[in-house]
Amino acid sequence: MRSDLVFDAVHNMKNRYMLCQLASKATRKFHKPNTRIQETTNEVLHRIASSERQEALTEREGVAEARRRVAA
């Protein structure tokens, strides 16, 4: 069930809001035409849950830093 995936994935993030932001952006990036978006979302949550906490946070902070550089 997706709730199990969310529960596992939230342990790798600082908070639920950050998890939702990361999961929605990743789902849009990984989604392939002619596939169900639910399947893509489940795959993204599984990847987040199986990743190391530090990897998930480092990647997210790196994206934020890149955006700040572009905005400046």
Protein backbone atom coordinates (compact mmCIF):
# COMPACT_ATOMS: atom_id res chain seq x y z
CA MET A 1 0.00 0.00 0.00
CA ARG A 2 1.10 3.55 -0.62
CA SER A 3 0.74 4.48 3.05
CA ASP A 4 3.48 1.96 3.86
CA LEU A 5 5.71 3.54 1.22
CA VAL A 6 5.04 7.02 2.61
CA PHE A 7 5.76 5.87 6.15
CA ASP A 8 9.07 4.34 5.06
CA ALA A 9 10.02 7.37 2.95
CA VAL A 10 9.28 9.97 5.64
CA HIS A 11 12.10 8.53 7.77
CA ASN A 12 14.60 9.79 5.18
CA MET A 13 13.34 13.36 5.11
CA LYS A 14 13.28 16.17 7.66
CA ASN A 15 9.51 16.57 7.48
CA ARG A 16 6.41 15.54 5.55
CA TYR A 17 6.23 18.78 3.58
CA MET A 18 9.72 18.24 2.22
CA LEU A 19 8.81 14.67 1.30
CA CYS A 20 5.72 15.84 -0.61
CA GLN A 21 7.72 18.45 -2.51
CA LEU A 22 10.46 15.99 -3.45
CA ALA A 23 8.02 13.22 -4.39
CA SER A 24 5.86 15.46 -6.58
CA LYS A 25 8.85 16.89 -8.45
CA ALA A 26 10.42 13.48 -8.91
CA THR A 27 7.13 12.00 -10.11
CA ARG A 28 6.86 14.68 -12.79
CA LYS A 29 10.46 14.04 -13.89
CA PHE A 30 10.29 10.23 -13.92
CA HIS A 31 6.79 9.83 -15.38
CA LYS A 32 6.63 8.17 -18.78
CA PRO A 33 3.72 8.51 -21.20
CA ASN A 34 1.37 5.52 -21.41
CA THR A 35 2.01 4.54 -17.79
CA ARG A 36 -0.11 5.15 -14.73
CA ILE A 37 0.98 8.08 -12.60
CA GLN A 38 0.18 6.00 -9.51
CA GLU A 39 2.87 3.50 -10.54
CA THR A 40 5.39 6.30 -11.01
CA THR A 41 4.53 7.79 -7.61
CA ASN A 42 4.95 4.41 -5.93
CA GLU A 43 8.32 3.94 -7.62
CA VAL A 44 9.49 7.39 -6.48
CA LEU A 45 8.42 6.72 -2.89
CA HIS A 46 10.19 3.36 -2.99
CA ARG A 47 13.39 5.05 -4.22
CA ILE A 48 13.20 7.69 -1.49
CA ALA A 49 12.57 5.02 1.16
CA SER A 50 15.49 2.89 0.01
CA SER A 51 17.94 5.78 -0.22
CA GLU A 52 20.18 6.85 2.61
CA ARG A 53 18.91 9.84 4.60
CA GLN A 54 22.04 11.83 3.88
CA GLU A 55 21.81 11.19 0.11
CA ALA A 56 18.23 12.42 -0.06
CA LEU A 57 18.95 15.54 1.97
CA THR A 58 22.20 16.35 0.17
CA GLU A 59 20.56 16.10 -3.23
CA ARG A 60 17.66 18.30 -2.17
CA GLU A 61 19.94 20.95 -0.62
CA GLY A 62 22.12 20.94 -3.75
CA VAL A 63 19.09 21.73 -5.89
CA ALA A 64 18.09 24.59 -3.59
CA GLU A 65 21.61 26.03 -3.69
CA ALA A 66 21.66 25.88 -7.50
CA ARG A 67 18.36 27.76 -7.67
CA ARG A 68 19.71 30.47 -5.38
CA ARG A 69 22.73 30.93 -7.63
CA VAL A 70 20.53 31.24 -10.71
CA ALA A 71 18.24 33.74 -8.97
CA ALA A 72 21.15 35.92 -7.84
